[in-house]
């Protein structure tokens, strides 16, 4: 299969996940839609820069995240504001509040895992971290969220 075909297939398979993961970064689903469209257009234009086919999703994600950060006038994920959340508060206010307390890197790993449907390996490559760090980060995020949610249930 040609690289362009693989990019088109990735778009069909993961557009919604990319959009949902980027919406909190840029502030709306509409802006995220535009960012994802632009990221895939750039990927098609620059497909010759792709080193390995199995790196396609992380490579496109890096393009999309860089565009999103530029859109927000930020330079890195560490600068993401705390109010950004992967959940709409109306759906589950306690969980949304708990997620907002996570450090930005933990939130982005959660985004990629549960909204963009990335594997641990894809997350590691997209964020340029070790795969073990992905697992540890998710474990820490889960523990923090569980502690926060359990403490709310116990509170009078």
N, C-alpha and C. Protein backbone atom coordinates (compact mmCIF):
# COMPACT_ATOMS: atom_id res chain seq x y z
N UNK A 1 0.85 -1.18 0.00
CA UNK A 1 0.00 0.00 0.00
C UNK A 1 0.90 1.25 0.00
N UNK A 2 0.55 2.22 -0.81
CA UNK A 2 1.30 3.46 -0.90
C UNK A 2 1.18 4.26 0.40
N UNK A 3 2.19 5.07 0.68
CA UNK A 3 2.18 5.89 1.89
C UNK A 3 0.97 6.83 1.92
N UNK A 4 0.62 7.41 0.78
CA UNK A 4 -0.53 8.30 0.73
C UNK A 4 -1.81 7.56 1.10
N UNK A 5 -1.93 6.31 0.65
CA UNK A 5 -3.09 5.50 0.99
C UNK A 5 -3.13 5.21 2.49
N UNK A 6 -1.95 4.97 3.06
CA UNK A 6 -1.87 4.71 4.50
C UNK A 6 -2.30 5.95 5.30
N UNK A 7 -1.90 7.12 4.83
CA UNK A 7 -2.30 8.36 5.51
C UNK A 7 -3.81 8.55 5.41
N UNK A 8 -4.37 8.29 4.25
CA UNK A 8 -5.82 8.41 4.09
C UNK A 8 -6.55 7.40 4.98
N UNK A 9 -6.02 6.20 5.09
CA UNK A 9 -6.63 5.19 5.97
C UNK A 9 -6.53 5.62 7.43
N UNK A 10 -5.38 6.15 7.81
CA UNK A 10 -5.21 6.64 9.18
C UNK A 10 -6.22 7.75 9.46
N UNK A 11 -6.42 8.63 8.52
CA UNK A 11 -7.39 9.71 8.69
C UNK A 11 -8.79 9.13 8.92
N UNK A 12 -9.18 8.17 8.10
CA UNK A 12 -10.50 7.55 8.27
C UNK A 12 -10.63 6.85 9.62
N UNK A 13 -9.57 6.17 10.03
CA UNK A 13 -9.62 5.39 11.27
C UNK A 13 -9.50 6.24 12.53
N UNK A 14 -8.71 7.32 12.47
CA UNK A 14 -8.37 8.02 13.71
C UNK A 14 -8.74 9.50 13.74
N UNK A 15 -9.42 9.98 12.73
CA UNK A 15 -9.78 11.40 12.73
C UNK A 15 -10.47 11.82 14.02
N UNK A 16 -11.49 11.08 14.43
CA UNK A 16 -12.27 11.47 15.61
C UNK A 16 -11.39 11.47 16.86
N UNK A 17 -10.54 10.48 17.01
CA UNK A 17 -9.65 10.44 18.16
C UNK A 17 -8.68 11.61 18.18
N UNK A 18 -8.11 11.92 17.04
CA UNK A 18 -7.20 13.07 16.96
C UNK A 18 -7.96 14.35 17.31
N UNK A 19 -9.13 14.53 16.72
CA UNK A 19 -9.92 15.73 16.97
C UNK A 19 -10.28 15.86 18.45
N UNK A 20 -10.74 14.75 19.03
CA UNK A 20 -11.13 14.79 20.45
C UNK A 20 -9.95 15.06 21.36
N UNK A 21 -8.79 14.52 21.01
CA UNK A 21 -7.61 14.74 21.84
C UNK A 21 -7.08 16.16 21.70
N UNK A 22 -7.25 16.77 20.54
CA UNK A 22 -6.75 18.13 20.33
C UNK A 22 -7.73 19.21 20.73
N UNK A 23 -9.01 18.89 20.80
CA UNK A 23 -10.02 19.91 21.15
C UNK A 23 -9.70 20.63 22.45
N UNK A 24 -9.32 19.92 23.50
CA UNK A 24 -8.98 20.64 24.73
C UNK A 24 -7.74 21.51 24.61
N UNK A 25 -6.85 21.15 23.71
CA UNK A 25 -5.62 21.91 23.52
C UNK A 25 -5.91 23.24 22.84
N UNK A 26 -6.77 23.21 21.82
CA UNK A 26 -7.04 24.42 21.05
C UNK A 26 -8.31 25.14 21.48
N UNK A 27 -9.14 24.50 22.28
CA UNK A 27 -10.31 25.19 22.83
C UNK A 27 -11.65 24.81 22.26
N UNK A 28 -11.69 24.11 21.13
CA UNK A 28 -12.99 23.69 20.59
C UNK A 28 -12.80 22.56 19.59
N UNK A 29 -13.88 21.84 19.36
CA UNK A 29 -13.82 20.76 18.36
C UNK A 29 -13.67 21.32 16.95
N UNK A 30 -14.27 22.50 16.72
CA UNK A 30 -14.17 23.11 15.39
C UNK A 30 -12.72 23.47 15.07
N UNK A 31 -12.03 24.08 16.03
CA UNK A 31 -10.62 24.41 15.81
C UNK A 31 -9.79 23.14 15.67
N UNK A 32 -10.11 22.13 16.50
CA UNK A 32 -9.39 20.86 16.42
C UNK A 32 -9.61 20.22 15.05
N UNK A 33 -10.80 20.31 14.53
CA UNK A 33 -11.09 19.78 13.19
C UNK A 33 -10.15 20.42 12.16
N UNK A 34 -10.03 21.74 12.23
CA UNK A 34 -9.15 22.45 11.30
C UNK A 34 -7.70 22.03 11.46
N UNK A 35 -7.27 21.86 12.71
CA UNK A 35 -5.88 21.45 12.98
C UNK A 35 -5.63 20.05 12.42
N UNK A 36 -6.56 19.14 12.65
CA UNK A 36 -6.40 17.76 12.16
C UNK A 36 -6.36 17.75 10.63
N UNK A 37 -7.25 18.52 10.01
CA UNK A 37 -7.25 18.61 8.55
C UNK A 37 -5.89 19.09 8.04
N UNK A 38 -5.39 20.16 8.66
CA UNK A 38 -4.10 20.72 8.25
C UNK A 38 -2.96 19.73 8.49
N UNK A 39 -3.01 19.03 9.62
CA UNK A 39 -1.95 18.07 9.93
C UNK A 39 -1.90 16.95 8.89
N UNK A 40 -3.05 16.44 8.51
CA UNK A 40 -3.07 15.38 7.52
C UNK A 40 -2.68 15.90 6.14
N UNK A 41 -3.06 17.12 5.82
CA UNK A 41 -2.64 17.72 4.54
C UNK A 41 -1.11 17.85 4.51
N UNK A 42 -0.54 18.29 5.62
CA UNK A 42 0.92 18.40 5.68
C UNK A 42 1.59 17.03 5.61
N UNK A 43 0.97 16.05 6.25
CA UNK A 43 1.52 14.70 6.20
C UNK A 43 1.54 14.19 4.76
N UNK A 44 0.46 14.42 4.04
CA UNK A 44 0.43 14.01 2.64
C UNK A 44 1.49 14.74 1.83
N UNK A 45 1.65 16.03 2.09
CA UNK A 45 2.65 16.83 1.38
C UNK A 45 4.07 16.38 1.69
N UNK A 46 4.33 16.03 2.96
CA UNK A 46 5.68 15.73 3.42
C UNK A 46 5.92 14.23 3.64
N UNK A 47 5.13 13.37 3.01
CA UNK A 47 5.20 11.94 3.27
C UNK A 47 6.61 11.37 3.08
N UNK A 48 7.41 11.98 2.28
CA UNK A 48 8.78 11.49 2.06
C UNK A 48 9.65 11.61 3.32
N UNK A 49 9.23 12.43 4.27
CA UNK A 49 9.98 12.60 5.52
C UNK A 49 9.71 11.46 6.51
N UNK A 50 8.67 10.68 6.26
CA UNK A 50 8.32 9.57 7.15
C UNK A 50 9.38 8.49 7.04
N UNK A 51 9.94 8.12 8.20
CA UNK A 51 11.04 7.15 8.21
C UNK A 51 10.54 5.70 8.14
N UNK A 52 9.53 5.39 8.94
CA UNK A 52 9.01 4.02 9.01
C UNK A 52 7.48 4.07 8.97
N UNK A 53 6.89 3.17 8.25
CA UNK A 53 5.42 3.16 8.13
C UNK A 53 4.74 2.98 9.48
N UNK A 54 5.32 2.18 10.37
CA UNK A 54 4.70 1.97 11.67
C UNK A 54 4.75 3.22 12.54
N UNK A 55 5.48 4.22 12.10
CA UNK A 55 5.57 5.50 12.80
C UNK A 55 4.55 6.51 12.31
N UNK A 56 3.66 6.11 11.44
CA UNK A 56 2.76 7.05 10.80
C UNK A 56 1.88 7.80 11.80
N UNK A 57 1.17 7.10 12.66
CA UNK A 57 0.26 7.77 13.60
C UNK A 57 1.01 8.72 14.53
N UNK A 58 2.11 8.30 15.15
CA UNK A 58 2.85 9.26 15.99
C UNK A 58 3.40 10.44 15.20
N UNK A 59 3.83 10.21 13.97
CA UNK A 59 4.36 11.29 13.14
C UNK A 59 3.28 12.33 12.84
N UNK A 60 2.11 11.86 12.43
CA UNK A 60 1.00 12.79 12.16
C UNK A 60 0.57 13.48 13.45
N UNK A 61 0.57 12.74 14.56
CA UNK A 61 0.21 13.36 15.83
C UNK A 61 1.17 14.50 16.17
N UNK A 62 2.46 14.28 15.98
CA UNK A 62 3.43 15.34 16.26
C UNK A 62 3.16 16.58 15.41
N UNK A 63 2.83 16.37 14.16
CA UNK A 63 2.47 17.50 13.29
C UNK A 63 1.25 18.22 13.86
N UNK A 64 0.22 17.45 14.21
CA UNK A 64 -1.02 18.03 14.72
C UNK A 64 -0.80 18.76 16.04
N UNK A 65 -0.04 18.15 16.94
CA UNK A 65 0.19 18.79 18.25
C UNK A 65 1.00 20.07 18.08
N UNK A 66 2.00 20.05 17.23
CA UNK A 66 2.77 21.27 16.99
C UNK A 66 1.88 22.38 16.43
N UNK A 67 0.99 22.04 15.50
CA UNK A 67 0.05 23.03 14.98
C UNK A 67 -0.88 23.54 16.07
N UNK A 68 -1.36 22.64 16.92
CA UNK A 68 -2.27 23.03 18.00
C UNK A 68 -1.58 23.94 19.01
N UNK A 69 -0.36 23.61 19.35
CA UNK A 69 0.37 24.44 20.31
C UNK A 69 0.64 25.82 19.73
N UNK A 70 0.98 25.87 18.44
CA UNK A 70 1.18 27.16 17.79
C UNK A 70 -0.12 27.97 17.76
N UNK A 71 -1.22 27.28 17.53
CA UNK A 71 -2.53 27.93 17.50
C UNK A 71 -2.84 28.60 18.84
N UNK A 72 -2.44 27.93 19.91
CA UNK A 72 -2.67 28.46 21.25
C UNK A 72 -1.58 29.43 21.69
N UNK A 73 -0.57 29.63 20.86
CA UNK A 73 0.52 30.53 21.23
C UNK A 73 1.41 29.95 22.31
N UNK A 74 1.49 28.63 22.35
CA UNK A 74 2.30 27.95 23.36
C UNK A 74 3.45 27.23 22.66
N UNK A 75 4.46 26.93 23.44
CA UNK A 75 5.64 26.28 22.87
C UNK A 75 5.74 24.80 23.21
N UNK A 76 5.12 24.40 24.32
CA UNK A 76 5.24 23.00 24.72
C UNK A 76 4.00 22.56 25.49
N UNK A 77 3.89 21.24 25.67
CA UNK A 77 2.77 20.69 26.41
C UNK A 77 2.80 21.12 27.87
N UNK A 78 3.98 21.43 28.39
CA UNK A 78 4.08 21.85 29.79
C UNK A 78 3.35 23.17 30.02
N UNK A 79 3.09 23.90 28.95
CA UNK A 79 2.45 25.19 29.07
C UNK A 79 0.93 25.12 28.90
N UNK A 80 0.37 23.92 28.77
CA UNK A 80 -1.07 23.81 28.62
C UNK A 80 -1.76 24.29 29.89
N UNK A 81 -2.79 25.11 29.75
CA UNK A 81 -3.48 25.59 30.94
C UNK A 81 -4.21 24.47 31.68
N UNK A 82 -4.31 24.61 32.98
CA UNK A 82 -4.96 23.59 33.80
C UNK A 82 -6.43 23.41 33.46
N UNK A 83 -7.10 24.43 32.94
CA UNK A 83 -8.53 24.29 32.67
C UNK A 83 -8.83 23.34 31.53
N UNK A 84 -7.81 22.99 30.74
CA UNK A 84 -8.04 22.05 29.66
C UNK A 84 -8.31 20.67 30.22
N UNK A 85 -9.34 20.04 29.73
CA UNK A 85 -9.70 18.72 30.20
C UNK A 85 -10.11 17.87 29.02
N UNK A 86 -9.99 16.56 29.17
CA UNK A 86 -10.40 15.66 28.09
C UNK A 86 -11.88 15.32 28.19
N UNK A 87 -12.53 15.79 29.23
CA UNK A 87 -13.95 15.49 29.42
C UNK A 87 -14.76 16.76 29.48
N UNK A 88 -15.97 16.68 28.98
CA UNK A 88 -16.90 17.78 29.16
C UNK A 88 -17.42 17.68 30.59
N UNK A 89 -17.36 18.77 31.31
CA UNK A 89 -17.75 18.76 32.72
C UNK A 89 -19.18 18.29 32.93
N UNK A 90 -20.06 18.56 31.96
CA UNK A 90 -21.46 18.17 32.11
C UNK A 90 -21.63 16.66 32.17
N UNK A 91 -20.77 15.93 31.50
CA UNK A 91 -20.91 14.47 31.45
C UNK A 91 -20.52 13.81 32.76
N UNK A 92 -19.43 14.25 33.35
CA UNK A 92 -18.96 13.69 34.61
C UNK A 92 -18.12 14.76 35.30
N UNK A 93 -18.78 15.67 36.06
CA UNK A 93 -18.06 16.80 36.62
C UNK A 93 -16.92 16.42 37.56
N UNK A 94 -17.10 15.36 38.36
CA UNK A 94 -16.05 14.97 39.29
C UNK A 94 -14.81 14.45 38.56
N UNK A 95 -15.03 13.61 37.57
CA UNK A 95 -13.90 13.08 36.81
C UNK A 95 -13.22 14.19 36.00
N UNK A 96 -14.01 15.06 35.39
CA UNK A 96 -13.43 16.17 34.63
C UNK A 96 -12.57 17.05 35.53
N UNK A 97 -13.05 17.33 36.74
CA UNK A 97 -12.28 18.15 37.68
C UNK A 97 -11.00 17.43 38.09
N UNK A 98 -11.09 16.13 38.32
CA UNK A 98 -9.91 15.36 38.71
C UNK A 98 -8.88 15.34 37.59
N UNK A 99 -9.32 15.17 36.35
CA UNK A 99 -8.40 15.15 35.21
C UNK A 99 -7.70 16.49 35.08
N UNK A 100 -8.42 17.58 35.32
CA UNK A 100 -7.81 18.92 35.20
C UNK A 100 -6.68 19.13 36.20
N UNK A 101 -6.66 18.37 37.29
CA UNK A 101 -5.60 18.54 38.28
C UNK A 101 -4.31 17.81 37.89
N UNK A 102 -4.39 16.94 36.89
CA UNK A 102 -3.20 16.20 36.47
C UNK A 102 -2.22 17.14 35.78
N UNK A 103 -0.93 16.88 35.94
CA UNK A 103 0.07 17.66 35.19
C UNK A 103 -0.16 17.48 33.69
N UNK A 104 0.21 18.47 32.89
CA UNK A 104 -0.05 18.41 31.44
C UNK A 104 0.44 17.14 30.75
N UNK A 105 1.62 16.67 31.09
CA UNK A 105 2.13 15.47 30.41
C UNK A 105 1.28 14.25 30.72
N UNK A 106 0.77 14.15 31.93
CA UNK A 106 -0.11 13.02 32.24
C UNK A 106 -1.43 13.15 31.49
N UNK A 107 -1.93 14.37 31.40
CA UNK A 107 -3.17 14.58 30.65
C UNK A 107 -2.99 14.23 29.18
N UNK A 108 -1.88 14.62 28.59
CA UNK A 108 -1.70 14.35 27.17
C UNK A 108 -1.53 12.85 26.91
N UNK A 109 -0.89 12.14 27.83
CA UNK A 109 -0.79 10.68 27.69
C UNK A 109 -2.18 10.06 27.78
N UNK A 110 -3.01 10.55 28.70
CA UNK A 110 -4.40 10.07 28.77
C UNK A 110 -5.15 10.39 27.49
N UNK A 111 -4.97 11.59 26.95
CA UNK A 111 -5.62 11.97 25.70
C UNK A 111 -5.28 10.96 24.62
N UNK A 112 -3.98 10.72 24.47
CA UNK A 112 -3.53 9.86 23.38
C UNK A 112 -4.01 8.42 23.56
N UNK A 113 -4.04 7.95 24.78
CA UNK A 113 -4.45 6.57 25.01
C UNK A 113 -5.95 6.39 24.84
N UNK A 114 -6.73 7.26 25.44
CA UNK A 114 -8.17 7.02 25.50
C UNK A 114 -9.00 7.82 24.50
N UNK A 115 -8.43 8.86 23.91
CA UNK A 115 -9.17 9.63 22.92
C UNK A 115 -8.63 9.45 21.52
N UNK A 116 -7.33 9.31 21.38
CA UNK A 116 -6.75 9.10 20.05
C UNK A 116 -6.51 7.61 19.79
N UNK A 117 -6.72 6.78 20.82
CA UNK A 117 -6.60 5.33 20.69
C UNK A 117 -5.20 4.88 20.27
N UNK A 118 -4.18 5.57 20.80
CA UNK A 118 -2.80 5.21 20.52
C UNK A 118 -2.39 4.03 21.40
N UNK A 119 -1.52 3.19 20.85
CA UNK A 119 -0.89 2.14 21.64
C UNK A 119 0.20 2.77 22.51
N UNK A 120 0.71 2.03 23.46
CA UNK A 120 1.81 2.53 24.28
C UNK A 120 3.01 2.90 23.41
N UNK A 121 3.31 2.06 22.42
CA UNK A 121 4.43 2.33 21.54
C UNK A 121 4.23 3.60 20.73
N UNK A 122 3.01 3.83 20.25
CA UNK A 122 2.73 5.03 19.48
C UNK A 122 2.83 6.28 20.35
N UNK A 123 2.35 6.18 21.60
CA UNK A 123 2.46 7.31 22.52
C UNK A 123 3.92 7.62 22.78
N UNK A 124 4.69 6.58 23.04
CA UNK A 124 6.12 6.75 23.32
C UNK A 124 6.80 7.46 22.16
N UNK A 125 6.51 7.03 20.96
CA UNK A 125 7.13 7.65 19.80
C UNK A 125 6.64 9.08 19.59
N UNK A 126 5.33 9.30 19.76
CA UNK A 126 4.77 10.64 19.55
C UNK A 126 5.33 11.66 20.53
N UNK A 127 5.57 11.22 21.76
CA UNK A 127 6.04 12.14 22.80
C UNK A 127 7.54 12.04 23.05
N UNK A 128 8.20 11.16 22.31
CA UNK A 128 9.64 10.96 22.44
C UNK A 128 10.04 10.58 23.87
N UNK A 129 9.32 9.57 24.39
CA UNK A 129 9.61 9.03 25.71
C UNK A 129 9.67 7.51 25.60
N UNK A 130 10.17 6.85 26.62
CA UNK A 130 10.25 5.39 26.62
C UNK A 130 8.86 4.79 26.81
N UNK A 131 8.66 3.63 26.23
CA UNK A 131 7.37 2.95 26.36
C UNK A 131 7.05 2.66 27.83
N UNK A 132 8.06 2.32 28.61
CA UNK A 132 7.85 2.10 30.03
C UNK A 132 7.38 3.36 30.75
N UNK A 133 7.83 4.51 30.27
CA UNK A 133 7.40 5.78 30.85
C UNK A 133 5.92 6.01 30.56
N UNK A 134 5.46 5.57 29.41
CA UNK A 134 4.03 5.69 29.09
C UNK A 134 3.22 4.89 30.10
N UNK A 135 3.62 3.64 30.33
CA UNK A 135 2.91 2.80 31.29
C UNK A 135 2.93 3.40 32.69
N UNK A 136 4.10 3.87 33.11
CA UNK A 136 4.22 4.47 34.44
C UNK A 136 3.37 5.74 34.55
N UNK A 137 3.37 6.54 33.49
CA UNK A 137 2.59 7.78 33.50
C UNK A 137 1.10 7.49 33.59
N UNK A 138 0.64 6.51 32.82
CA UNK A 138 -0.77 6.14 32.89
C UNK A 138 -1.12 5.57 34.25
N UNK A 139 -0.25 4.76 34.80
CA UNK A 139 -0.48 4.20 36.13
C UNK A 139 -0.57 5.30 37.18
N UNK A 140 0.33 6.27 37.11
CA UNK A 140 0.30 7.40 38.05
C UNK A 140 -0.98 8.21 37.87
N UNK A 141 -1.37 8.44 36.64
CA UNK A 141 -2.60 9.20 36.38
C UNK A 141 -3.81 8.46 36.92
N UNK A 142 -3.88 7.16 36.67
CA UNK A 142 -5.00 6.36 37.18
C UNK A 142 -5.06 6.40 38.70
N UNK A 143 -3.90 6.25 39.35
CA UNK A 143 -3.85 6.26 40.81
C UNK A 143 -4.32 7.61 41.36
N UNK A 144 -3.86 8.69 40.75
CA UNK A 144 -4.25 10.03 41.18
C UNK A 144 -5.75 10.22 41.01
N UNK A 145 -6.27 9.84 39.87
CA UNK A 145 -7.70 9.99 39.61
C UNK A 145 -8.52 9.14 40.58
N UNK A 146 -8.10 7.92 40.82
CA UNK A 146 -8.81 7.05 41.76
C UNK A 146 -8.81 7.64 43.16
N UNK A 147 -7.64 8.11 43.61
CA UNK A 147 -7.56 8.73 44.94
C UNK A 147 -8.50 9.92 45.05
N UNK A 148 -8.50 10.76 44.04
CA UNK A 148 -9.34 11.96 44.08
C UNK A 148 -10.83 11.60 44.07
N UNK A 149 -11.18 10.65 43.22
CA UNK A 149 -12.59 10.28 43.13
C UNK A 149 -13.07 9.54 44.38
N UNK A 150 -12.20 8.70 44.93
CA UNK A 150 -12.58 7.96 46.16
C UNK A 150 -12.69 8.92 47.34
N UNK A 151 -11.84 9.92 47.42
CA UNK A 151 -11.90 10.86 48.53
C UNK A 151 -13.18 11.69 48.47
N UNK A 152 -13.71 11.92 47.29
CA UNK A 152 -14.98 12.67 47.15
C UNK A 152 -16.15 11.82 47.60
N UNK A 153 -16.06 10.49 47.35
CA UNK A 153 -17.13 9.60 47.78
C UNK A 153 -17.18 9.46 49.28
N UNK A 154 -16.02 9.51 49.93
CA UNK A 154 -15.93 9.34 51.38
C UNK A 154 -16.31 10.61 52.11
N UNK A 155 -16.07 11.77 51.46
CA UNK A 155 -16.34 13.05 52.11
C UNK A 155 -17.82 13.19 52.42
N UNK A 156 -18.15 13.83 53.59
CA UNK A 156 -19.56 13.96 53.99
C UNK A 156 -20.33 14.88 53.09
